[in-house]
N, C-alpha and C. Protein backbone atom coordinates (compact mmCIF):
# COMPACT_ATOMS: atom_id res chain seq x y z
N MET A 1 148.86 126.96 145.72
CA MET A 1 148.39 125.77 146.41
C MET A 1 147.08 124.75 145.44
N SER A 2 147.06 123.93 144.90
CA SER A 2 145.93 123.49 144.08
C SER A 2 145.06 122.44 145.14
N LYS A 3 143.71 122.46 145.07
CA LYS A 3 143.26 121.62 145.98
C LYS A 3 142.80 120.66 144.95
N THR A 4 142.33 119.05 146.17
CA THR A 4 142.03 118.47 145.00
C THR A 4 140.49 117.92 145.56
N ARG A 5 139.96 117.25 145.03
CA ARG A 5 138.41 116.65 145.24
C ARG A 5 138.58 114.96 144.95
N LYS A 6 137.53 114.19 145.46
CA LYS A 6 137.12 112.83 144.65
C LYS A 6 136.28 113.27 143.89
N CYS A 7 136.35 112.15 142.39
CA CYS A 7 135.38 112.07 141.58
C CYS A 7 134.32 111.72 141.79
N GLU A 8 133.01 111.76 141.71
CA GLU A 8 131.59 111.51 142.14
C GLU A 8 131.68 110.20 141.33
N HIS A 9 132.52 110.00 140.34
CA HIS A 9 131.95 108.78 139.38
C HIS A 9 133.38 107.74 139.76
N CYS A 10 134.23 108.08 139.58
CA CYS A 10 135.51 107.29 139.83
C CYS A 10 136.68 107.23 140.90
N GLY A 11 135.83 107.89 141.54
CA GLY A 11 136.72 107.93 143.18
C GLY A 11 138.21 108.50 143.00
N LYS A 12 138.73 109.03 142.18
CA LYS A 12 140.17 109.62 141.57
C LYS A 12 140.32 111.16 142.33
N ASP A 13 141.34 110.95 142.59
CA ASP A 13 141.64 112.40 142.97
C ASP A 13 141.92 113.15 142.09
N ILE A 14 141.43 114.37 142.00
CA ILE A 14 141.22 115.68 140.80
C ILE A 14 141.27 117.12 141.11
N ASN A 15 141.68 117.68 140.72
CA ASN A 15 141.82 119.26 140.68
C ASN A 15 140.42 119.80 140.88
N VAL A 16 140.15 120.39 141.87
CA VAL A 16 138.67 121.26 141.88
C VAL A 16 138.33 122.08 141.13
N ILE A 17 139.15 122.31 140.62
CA ILE A 17 138.57 123.58 139.05
C ILE A 17 137.98 122.91 137.93
N TYR A 18 137.96 121.07 137.92
CA TYR A 18 137.65 121.01 136.79
C TYR A 18 136.22 120.62 136.80
N ASN A 19 135.13 120.81 135.84
CA ASN A 19 133.87 120.33 136.00
C ASN A 19 133.66 119.12 135.41
N VAL A 20 134.47 118.88 134.44
CA VAL A 20 134.61 116.84 133.92
C VAL A 20 135.89 116.60 134.63
N CYS A 21 135.58 115.21 134.98
CA CYS A 21 136.61 114.47 135.48
C CYS A 21 137.42 114.02 134.53
N PRO A 22 138.67 114.29 134.06
CA PRO A 22 139.78 114.32 133.26
C PRO A 22 140.26 112.60 132.68
N ILE A 23 139.52 111.59 134.49
CA ILE A 23 140.02 110.72 133.97
C ILE A 23 139.06 109.54 133.40
N CYS A 24 137.91 109.76 133.81
CA CYS A 24 136.53 109.04 133.26
C CYS A 24 135.54 109.70 132.66
N GLY A 25 135.75 111.00 132.65
CA GLY A 25 135.11 112.17 131.73
C GLY A 25 133.29 112.12 132.31
N GLY A 26 133.46 112.19 133.37
CA GLY A 26 132.18 111.91 134.13
C GLY A 26 131.69 114.16 134.23
N GLU A 27 130.60 113.94 134.20
CA GLU A 27 130.08 115.41 134.96
C GLU A 27 130.25 115.67 135.93
N LEU A 28 130.94 116.62 136.76
CA LEU A 28 130.73 117.03 138.40
C LEU A 28 129.82 118.25 138.79
N GLU A 29 129.65 117.93 140.18
CA GLU A 29 129.06 118.90 140.25
C GLU A 29 129.94 119.87 141.18
N GLU A 30 129.22 120.94 141.02
CA GLU A 30 130.59 122.60 141.10
C GLU A 30 130.95 121.89 142.63
N TYR A 31 132.16 122.77 142.56
CA TYR A 31 132.98 122.65 143.73
C TYR A 31 132.89 124.13 144.29
N LEU A 32 132.29 124.34 145.48
CA LEU A 32 132.40 125.97 145.99
C LEU A 32 133.04 125.79 147.28
N ASP A 33 134.12 126.78 147.07
CA ASP A 33 134.22 126.90 148.70
C ASP A 33 133.25 128.35 149.20
N PRO A 34 132.33 127.94 150.34
CA PRO A 34 131.27 129.09 150.81
C PRO A 34 132.24 130.08 150.54
N LEU A 35 131.87 131.25 150.35
CA LEU A 35 132.30 132.58 150.14
C LEU A 35 131.48 133.08 150.96
N PRO A 36 131.69 133.93 152.08
CA PRO A 36 130.32 134.85 152.54
C PRO A 36 130.26 136.01 151.78
N PRO A 37 128.92 136.06 151.52
CA PRO A 37 128.18 137.04 150.53
C PRO A 37 128.73 138.66 150.80
N GLU A 38 129.77 138.99 149.98
CA GLU A 38 129.91 140.44 150.33
C GLU A 38 129.93 141.16 148.82
N CYS A 39 129.91 142.68 149.03
CA CYS A 39 129.97 143.41 147.57
C CYS A 39 131.16 143.14 146.94
N PRO A 40 131.26 142.74 145.55
CA PRO A 40 132.21 142.91 145.06
C PRO A 40 132.80 144.66 144.70
N ARG A 41 132.15 145.29 145.00
CA ARG A 41 132.96 146.55 144.86
C ARG A 41 133.61 147.37 146.13
N CYS A 42 132.42 146.97 147.15
CA CYS A 42 132.84 148.16 148.56
C CYS A 42 133.22 146.87 149.31
N LYS A 43 133.08 145.50 149.36
CA LYS A 43 133.58 144.61 150.30
C LYS A 43 132.94 144.20 151.47
N GLU A 44 131.47 145.22 151.48
CA GLU A 44 130.67 145.15 152.63
C GLU A 44 129.95 143.84 152.68
N PRO A 45 129.40 143.35 153.92
CA PRO A 45 128.80 141.99 153.85
C PRO A 45 127.69 142.13 153.00
N LEU A 46 127.13 141.59 152.63
CA LEU A 46 125.39 141.53 152.08
C LEU A 46 124.21 141.74 152.49
N GLU A 47 123.21 142.40 152.55
CA GLU A 47 122.24 141.64 153.44
C GLU A 47 121.06 141.61 152.57
N LEU A 48 120.10 140.00 153.05
CA LEU A 48 119.42 139.52 152.45
C LEU A 48 118.07 140.66 152.48
N HIS A 49 117.37 140.92 151.20
CA HIS A 49 116.02 141.46 151.24
C HIS A 49 115.13 140.71 149.98
N ARG A 50 113.78 141.06 150.59
CA ARG A 50 112.74 140.71 149.62
C ARG A 50 112.14 141.58 149.12
N GLY A 51 111.91 141.39 148.13
CA GLY A 51 111.54 142.63 146.62
C GLY A 51 109.66 142.24 146.95
N ASP A 52 109.23 143.69 146.52
CA ASP A 52 107.64 143.56 146.47
C ASP A 52 106.84 142.20 146.06
N ASP A 53 107.97 142.08 144.93
CA ASP A 53 106.89 140.55 144.08
C ASP A 53 107.88 139.27 144.79
N GLY A 54 108.09 139.36 145.82
CA GLY A 54 108.40 137.98 146.76
C GLY A 54 109.94 137.56 146.37
N GLN A 55 110.35 138.22 145.50
CA GLN A 55 111.79 137.50 145.05
C GLN A 55 112.99 137.81 145.86
N GLU A 56 113.78 136.88 146.42
CA GLU A 56 114.82 137.61 147.53
C GLU A 56 116.10 137.81 146.16
N TYR A 57 116.98 138.81 147.11
CA TYR A 57 118.01 139.09 146.35
C TYR A 57 119.51 139.60 147.47
N GLU A 58 120.31 140.12 147.37
CA GLU A 58 121.04 140.66 147.96
C GLU A 58 121.33 141.57 148.09
N MET A 59 121.36 142.72 149.05
CA MET A 59 121.77 144.30 148.57
C MET A 59 123.13 144.70 149.26
N CYS A 60 123.84 145.57 148.84
CA CYS A 60 125.15 146.24 149.83
C CYS A 60 124.31 146.95 150.52
N PRO A 61 124.59 147.58 151.81
CA PRO A 61 124.04 148.81 152.23
C PRO A 61 124.77 149.83 152.04
N ARG A 62 125.81 149.71 151.76
CA ARG A 62 126.81 150.98 151.23
C ARG A 62 126.84 151.56 149.87
N CYS A 63 126.63 150.86 148.88
CA CYS A 63 126.52 151.49 147.57
C CYS A 63 125.18 150.82 147.27
N SER A 64 124.44 150.33 147.48
CA SER A 64 123.09 150.19 147.36
C SER A 64 122.96 148.85 145.86
N GLY A 65 124.40 148.36 145.59
CA GLY A 65 124.03 147.47 144.49
C GLY A 65 123.31 145.86 144.79
N LEU A 66 123.24 145.42 143.86
CA LEU A 66 122.67 144.09 144.09
C LEU A 66 123.20 143.05 143.39
N TRP A 67 122.90 141.91 144.28
CA TRP A 67 123.44 140.52 144.04
C TRP A 67 121.95 139.77 143.67
N ILE A 68 122.03 139.47 142.24
CA ILE A 68 120.39 138.24 141.97
C ILE A 68 120.74 137.39 141.43
N ASP A 69 120.52 136.04 141.87
CA ASP A 69 120.65 134.71 142.01
C ASP A 69 120.51 134.42 140.32
N ARG A 70 121.09 133.71 139.52
CA ARG A 70 120.33 132.91 138.33
C ARG A 70 119.42 132.79 138.21
N GLU A 71 118.47 132.19 139.06
CA GLU A 71 117.18 131.89 138.96
C GLU A 71 116.33 132.84 138.77
N VAL A 72 116.50 133.58 139.42
CA VAL A 72 115.84 135.23 140.16
C VAL A 72 115.78 136.04 139.18
N PHE A 73 116.85 136.32 138.76
CA PHE A 73 116.94 137.27 137.32
C PHE A 73 116.02 136.95 136.46
N PRO A 74 115.87 136.08 135.64
CA PRO A 74 114.74 135.96 134.50
C PRO A 74 113.57 136.62 135.49
N ALA A 75 112.92 136.14 136.73
CA ALA A 75 111.67 136.70 137.30
C ALA A 75 111.39 138.16 136.89
N LEU A 76 112.63 138.46 137.89
CA LEU A 76 112.80 140.13 137.73
C LEU A 76 112.88 140.65 136.57
N THR A 77 113.09 140.51 135.21
CA THR A 77 113.27 141.17 133.85
C THR A 77 112.01 140.64 132.83
N ARG A 78 111.31 139.73 133.56
CA ARG A 78 110.43 139.09 132.80
C ARG A 78 109.09 141.06 132.41
N GLY A 79 109.08 140.57 131.08
CA GLY A 79 108.21 141.92 130.48
C GLY A 79 106.59 141.90 130.99
N HIS A 80 105.97 141.09 130.86
CA HIS A 80 104.49 141.24 131.62
C HIS A 80 104.42 141.89 132.89
N PRO A 81 105.40 141.19 133.70
CA PRO A 81 105.01 141.56 135.38
C PRO A 81 105.40 143.09 135.61
N VAL A 82 106.62 143.15 134.84
CA VAL A 82 107.51 145.06 134.47
C VAL A 82 105.77 145.92 134.32
N LYS A 83 105.48 145.33 132.92
CA LYS A 83 104.55 146.43 132.46
C LYS A 83 103.40 146.56 133.51
N ARG A 84 103.01 145.66 133.79
CA ARG A 84 101.46 145.71 134.74
C ARG A 84 102.05 146.46 136.29
N GLN A 85 103.04 146.14 136.58
CA GLN A 85 103.39 147.10 137.76
C GLN A 85 103.59 148.68 137.07
N GLY A 86 103.85 149.22 136.33
CA GLY A 86 104.18 150.51 135.40
C GLY A 86 104.70 151.36 136.38
N GLY A 87 104.53 152.80 136.08
CA GLY A 87 105.21 153.77 137.17
C GLY A 87 106.14 154.48 136.34
N TYR A 88 106.84 153.84 135.37
CA TYR A 88 107.64 154.15 134.42
C TYR A 88 107.30 155.06 132.97
N ARG A 89 107.60 156.68 133.51
CA ARG A 89 106.97 157.69 132.72
C ARG A 89 108.33 158.09 131.92
N GLY A 90 107.76 158.32 130.88
CA GLY A 90 108.72 159.50 129.62
C GLY A 90 109.35 157.87 128.93
N THR A 91 109.86 158.66 127.89
CA THR A 91 110.88 157.40 126.70
C THR A 91 111.87 156.88 127.50
N TYR A 92 112.32 155.84 127.66
CA TYR A 92 114.00 154.99 128.13
C TYR A 92 114.59 155.71 126.91
N ARG A 93 116.26 156.43 127.95
CA ARG A 93 116.88 156.59 127.02
C ARG A 93 118.41 155.95 127.70
N LYS A 94 119.14 155.94 126.93
CA LYS A 94 120.23 155.04 126.97
C LYS A 94 121.33 156.42 127.93
N THR A 95 121.97 155.57 128.92
CA THR A 95 122.81 156.30 129.09
C THR A 95 124.28 156.21 128.96
N PRO A 96 125.61 157.13 128.90
CA PRO A 96 127.13 156.22 128.58
C PRO A 96 127.34 155.68 129.68
N ASP A 97 128.16 154.70 129.57
CA ASP A 97 128.88 154.40 130.82
C ASP A 97 129.82 155.17 131.66
N ARG A 98 129.96 155.84 132.65
CA ARG A 98 130.91 156.39 132.79
C ARG A 98 132.07 156.06 133.79
N GLY A 99 132.10 155.14 134.12
CA GLY A 99 132.67 154.27 135.51
C GLY A 99 134.09 153.81 134.73
N PRO A 100 135.07 153.47 135.08
CA PRO A 100 136.04 152.78 134.29
C PRO A 100 135.69 151.53 134.31
N LEU A 101 136.35 150.48 133.38
CA LEU A 101 135.83 149.41 132.99
C LEU A 101 136.63 148.49 133.98
N GLU A 102 135.90 147.81 134.57
CA GLU A 102 136.25 147.22 135.84
C GLU A 102 135.54 145.78 135.61
N TYR A 103 136.42 144.85 136.03
CA TYR A 103 135.84 143.50 136.00
C TYR A 103 135.69 143.05 137.12
N ILE A 104 134.61 142.80 137.70
CA ILE A 104 134.56 142.19 139.46
C ILE A 104 134.16 140.90 139.60
N PRO A 105 134.70 140.44 140.65
CA PRO A 105 134.18 138.89 141.06
C PRO A 105 132.92 138.43 141.21
N CYS A 106 132.55 136.83 141.06
CA CYS A 106 131.44 136.56 141.46
C CYS A 106 131.15 136.94 143.06
N VAL A 107 130.00 137.17 143.49
CA VAL A 107 130.02 136.80 144.75
C VAL A 107 129.76 135.52 145.79
N ARG A 108 129.19 134.37 144.37
CA ARG A 108 129.14 133.08 144.97
C ARG A 108 130.56 132.42 144.82
N CYS A 109 131.24 132.45 143.63
CA CYS A 109 132.53 132.03 143.26
C CYS A 109 133.88 132.29 143.40
N GLY A 110 133.77 133.55 143.32
CA GLY A 110 134.80 134.37 143.49
C GLY A 110 135.71 134.97 141.63
N LYS A 111 135.24 133.91 140.93
CA LYS A 111 136.02 134.20 139.88
C LYS A 111 135.29 135.37 138.72
N LEU A 112 136.11 136.12 138.27
CA LEU A 112 135.75 137.05 137.36
C LEU A 112 134.49 137.08 136.60
N MET A 113 133.87 137.94 136.88
CA MET A 113 132.38 138.18 135.82
C MET A 113 132.74 138.39 134.15
N ASN A 114 131.57 138.01 133.74
CA ASN A 114 131.35 138.70 132.11
C ASN A 114 130.79 140.38 132.68
N ARG A 115 131.21 141.26 131.29
CA ARG A 115 130.35 142.52 131.16
C ARG A 115 129.59 142.28 130.15
N LYS A 116 128.23 142.74 130.09
CA LYS A 116 126.85 142.42 129.02
C LYS A 116 126.34 143.60 128.53
N ASN A 117 125.99 143.62 127.83
CA ASN A 117 124.85 144.82 127.75
C ASN A 117 123.44 143.99 127.79
N PHE A 118 122.84 144.45 128.71
CA PHE A 118 121.34 143.63 129.21
C PHE A 118 120.57 143.69 127.64
N LYS A 119 120.20 142.59 126.97
CA LYS A 119 119.43 142.36 125.54
C LYS A 119 120.14 142.67 124.81
N ARG A 120 121.71 143.17 124.63
CA ARG A 120 122.34 143.95 123.56
C ARG A 120 122.16 145.11 123.22
N ILE A 121 120.83 145.83 123.42
CA ILE A 121 120.89 147.20 123.35
C ILE A 121 120.05 148.45 123.93
N SER A 122 120.32 148.01 125.54
CA SER A 122 119.57 148.47 126.80
C SER A 122 120.58 149.38 127.02
N GLY A 123 121.94 149.51 127.24
CA GLY A 123 122.88 150.01 127.41
C GLY A 123 123.27 150.07 128.73
N VAL A 124 122.62 149.32 129.59
CA VAL A 124 122.78 148.88 130.67
C VAL A 124 123.86 147.53 130.77
N ILE A 125 124.79 148.05 131.36
CA ILE A 125 125.95 146.84 131.65
C ILE A 125 125.98 145.99 132.71
N ILE A 126 125.87 145.02 132.36
CA ILE A 126 125.74 144.63 133.87
C ILE A 126 126.67 143.09 134.04
N ASP A 127 127.07 142.73 135.31
CA ASP A 127 127.93 141.85 134.93
C ASP A 127 127.63 140.61 135.78
N GLU A 128 127.82 139.75 134.93
CA GLU A 128 127.19 138.15 134.86
C GLU A 128 128.08 136.99 134.89
N CYS A 129 127.68 136.07 136.37
CA CYS A 129 128.55 134.69 136.21
C CYS A 129 127.61 133.67 135.99
N ARG A 130 127.64 132.92 134.60
CA ARG A 130 126.96 132.46 133.89
C ARG A 130 126.46 131.37 134.83
N ARG A 131 127.22 130.93 135.94
CA ARG A 131 126.54 130.15 136.58
C ARG A 131 126.00 130.09 137.55
N HIS A 132 126.00 131.17 139.00
CA HIS A 132 125.71 131.65 139.62
C HIS A 132 124.65 132.82 139.76
N GLY A 133 124.70 134.05 138.93
CA GLY A 133 124.05 134.88 139.41
C GLY A 133 124.45 136.27 138.03
N VAL A 134 124.17 137.46 138.67
CA VAL A 134 123.99 138.91 138.15
C VAL A 134 124.35 139.77 139.48
N TRP A 135 125.20 140.60 139.20
CA TRP A 135 125.28 141.97 140.02
C TRP A 135 125.22 143.33 139.35
N LEU A 136 124.08 143.62 139.76
CA LEU A 136 123.56 145.15 139.09
C LEU A 136 124.27 146.21 140.15
N ASP A 137 124.87 147.13 139.30
CA ASP A 137 124.94 148.27 140.35
C ASP A 137 123.84 149.66 140.90
N ALA A 138 123.87 150.25 141.50
CA ALA A 138 122.93 150.85 142.26
C ALA A 138 121.90 151.41 141.19
N GLY A 139 120.79 151.28 140.78
CA GLY A 139 119.50 152.24 139.77
C GLY A 139 119.69 151.09 138.25
N GLU A 140 120.67 150.07 138.49
CA GLU A 140 120.20 149.23 137.32
C GLU A 140 119.27 148.46 136.80
N LEU A 141 118.87 148.14 138.23
CA LEU A 141 117.38 147.23 138.02
C LEU A 141 116.39 148.01 137.47
N GLU A 142 116.48 149.20 138.14
CA GLU A 142 115.36 150.04 137.49
C GLU A 142 115.23 150.57 136.15
N LYS A 143 116.95 150.64 135.60
CA LYS A 143 116.99 151.17 134.31
C LYS A 143 116.50 150.08 133.64
N ILE A 144 117.07 148.82 133.55
CA ILE A 144 116.46 147.35 132.85
C ILE A 144 114.85 147.67 132.77
N ARG A 145 114.44 148.01 133.82
CA ARG A 145 112.82 147.66 134.12
C ARG A 145 112.23 149.02 133.17
N HIS A 146 113.00 150.15 133.18
CA HIS A 146 112.36 151.15 132.58
C HIS A 146 112.51 150.74 131.09
N PHE A 147 113.68 150.10 130.39
CA PHE A 147 114.09 149.84 129.26
C PHE A 147 112.69 148.98 128.97
N ILE A 148 112.46 147.67 129.35
CA ILE A 148 111.11 146.79 129.29
C ILE A 148 109.93 147.30 129.17
N ALA A 149 109.84 148.36 130.27
CA ALA A 149 108.05 148.59 130.19
C ALA A 149 108.22 149.64 128.84
N ASN A 150 109.23 150.45 128.46
CA ASN A 150 109.32 150.92 126.96
C ASN A 150 109.20 149.72 125.47
N GLY A 151 108.82 148.72 125.88
CA GLY A 151 109.15 147.81 124.70
C GLY A 151 110.60 147.52 124.62
N GLY A 152 111.61 147.45 125.11
CA GLY A 152 112.70 147.59 124.65
C GLY A 152 112.96 145.38 124.67
N LEU A 153 111.82 144.97 125.01
CA LEU A 153 112.17 143.16 124.60
C LEU A 153 111.89 143.22 123.97
N GLU A 154 110.41 143.92 122.97
CA GLU A 154 110.10 143.70 122.01
C GLU A 154 111.47 143.78 120.94
N MET A 155 111.87 145.45 120.75
CA MET A 155 113.21 145.69 119.90
C MET A 155 113.92 144.56 119.86
N ALA A 156 114.58 144.25 121.22
CA ALA A 156 115.63 143.16 121.26
C ALA A 156 115.14 141.84 120.38
N MET A 157 113.97 141.41 120.19
CA MET A 157 113.71 140.57 119.64
C MET A 157 113.18 140.75 118.19
N GLU A 158 112.97 141.97 117.66
CA GLU A 158 112.77 142.08 116.69
C GLU A 158 114.38 142.40 115.86
N ARG A 159 115.38 143.00 116.13
CA ARG A 159 116.82 143.11 116.45
C ARG A 159 117.55 141.82 115.78
N GLU A 160 116.83 140.34 117.11
CA GLU A 160 117.32 139.41 116.73
C GLU A 160 116.95 138.28 115.60
N ILE A 161 115.18 138.71 115.29
CA ILE A 161 114.89 138.34 113.88
C ILE A 161 115.74 138.64 113.06
N GLU A 162 115.47 140.00 112.87
CA GLU A 162 116.41 140.45 111.77
C GLU A 162 117.66 140.10 111.32
N ARG A 163 118.56 139.70 112.54
CA ARG A 163 119.81 139.72 112.36
C ARG A 163 119.83 138.26 111.77
N ASN A 164 119.02 137.13 112.20
CA ASN A 164 118.67 135.56 112.15
C ASN A 164 118.21 135.60 110.64
N ARG A 165 117.39 136.78 109.86
CA ARG A 165 117.10 136.45 108.76
C ARG A 165 118.34 137.05 107.82
N ALA A 166 119.44 137.83 108.13
CA ALA A 166 120.90 138.08 107.58
C ALA A 166 121.49 136.90 107.68
N ARG A 167 121.64 136.50 108.57
CA ARG A 167 122.38 134.88 108.85
C ARG A 167 121.70 134.00 107.65
N ILE A 168 120.65 134.03 107.78
CA ILE A 168 119.66 133.00 106.75
C ILE A 168 120.12 133.01 105.23
N ARG A 169 119.90 134.48 104.89
CA ARG A 169 120.09 135.17 103.13
C ARG A 169 121.72 134.83 103.02
N GLU A 170 122.75 135.13 104.11
CA GLU A 170 123.87 134.65 103.78
C GLU A 170 124.21 133.42 103.43
N LEU A 171 123.51 132.61 104.38
CA LEU A 171 123.97 131.42 104.19
C LEU A 171 123.11 130.84 102.54
N ALA A 172 122.05 131.13 102.57
CA ALA A 172 121.38 130.69 101.28
C ALA A 172 121.98 130.91 100.20
N THR A 173 122.69 132.28 100.35
CA THR A 173 124.08 132.95 99.46
C THR A 173 124.71 131.84 99.12
N LYS A 174 125.76 131.38 100.15
CA LYS A 174 126.56 130.49 100.00
C LYS A 174 126.34 128.86 99.28
N VAL A 175 125.00 128.81 100.20
CA VAL A 175 124.80 127.14 99.83
C VAL A 175 124.34 127.06 98.11
N ASP A 176 123.47 128.29 97.49
CA ASP A 176 123.81 128.24 95.92
C ASP A 176 124.85 128.96 95.22
N GLN A 177 126.04 129.13 95.74
CA GLN A 177 127.22 129.35 95.14
C GLN A 177 127.99 128.13 95.15
N THR A 178 127.93 127.26 96.71
CA THR A 178 128.59 126.01 96.70
C THR A 178 127.62 125.04 95.53
N ALA A 179 126.43 125.26 95.07
CA ALA A 179 125.83 124.38 94.40
C ALA A 179 126.21 124.58 93.28
N PHE A 180 126.28 125.97 92.47
CA PHE A 180 126.69 126.29 91.16
C PHE A 180 128.41 125.82 90.91
N THR A 181 128.98 125.96 91.82
CA THR A 181 130.80 125.49 91.98
C THR A 181 130.23 124.15 91.68
N GLN A 182 129.90 122.81 92.62
CA GLN A 182 129.68 121.76 92.16
C GLN A 182 129.11 121.34 90.93
N LYS A 183 128.36 122.30 90.26
CA LYS A 183 127.91 121.90 88.94
C LYS A 183 129.09 121.96 87.83
N VAL A 184 129.53 123.24 87.95
CA VAL A 184 130.66 123.55 87.11
C VAL A 184 131.58 122.61 87.35
N ILE A 185 132.16 121.88 88.46
CA ILE A 185 133.23 121.19 88.70
C ILE A 185 132.70 119.54 87.65
N HIS A 186 131.52 119.32 88.23
CA HIS A 186 130.98 117.80 87.67
C HIS A 186 131.13 118.17 86.18
N PHE A 187 130.20 119.55 85.47
CA PHE A 187 130.45 119.55 84.20
C PHE A 187 131.56 119.25 83.06
N TRP A 188 133.03 119.63 83.81
CA TRP A 188 134.18 119.54 83.35
C TRP A 188 134.47 118.59 83.42
N ASN A 189 134.08 117.73 84.66
CA ASN A 189 134.62 116.49 84.79
C ASN A 189 134.18 115.54 83.82
N LEU A 190 132.68 115.82 83.76
CA LEU A 190 131.89 114.76 82.26
C LEU A 190 132.48 115.07 81.17
N LYS A 191 133.04 116.41 80.69
CA LYS A 191 133.34 116.62 79.59
C LYS A 191 134.84 115.83 79.31
N ARG A 192 135.58 116.04 80.39
CA ARG A 192 137.07 115.39 80.21
C ARG A 192 137.02 113.75 79.73
N TRP A 193 135.93 113.32 80.74
CA TRP A 193 135.66 111.82 80.47
C TRP A 193 135.40 111.56 78.87
N LEU A 194 134.33 112.21 78.61
CA LEU A 194 134.08 112.08 77.20
C LEU A 194 134.99 112.14 75.98
N PHE A 195 135.74 113.53 76.22
CA PHE A 195 136.53 113.89 74.99
C PHE A 195 138.08 113.55 75.49
N GLY A 196 138.17 113.11 76.92
CA GLY A 196 139.43 112.48 77.23
C GLY A 196 140.23 111.94 76.81
């Protein structure tokens, strides 16, 4: 059974799944049926916690998983504060993902979240809802912070820069090939016109 709501712009009834009104094209505020915050793994109610840095997050009392809202996650994973806090000894090492591949629902909207490797090279697989936040299983925040403290953000940035350089070189080669091809085509068209 689909639910409907009124478009904020034209007042027509539309399905709640739309982010853009199909009638008038207006962008809509997100519709959320407020869900009680519960752990996507063990279905326990989440408890609100405040970290040492003053940031709030929700924690599962059973599995110690964390829900971190979208606005808070960048503050918890910023390089300078993590390095200043210190306490991370030894070199960061990736660990293999031992659990079965499982997509879990967002704590806020209930839609399945995407799994991604934090900064593409950390080896810490996080569950992310682009609109609402990030779910971290027990210990993953500490792994991310250890990765950052060992220069992981800089390594990720260097890899991204190198990847972009390679793309630029590839694009430049394609542009040169296209320009050469156009010169050849124009040359033959001119020859046909002169001698045709």
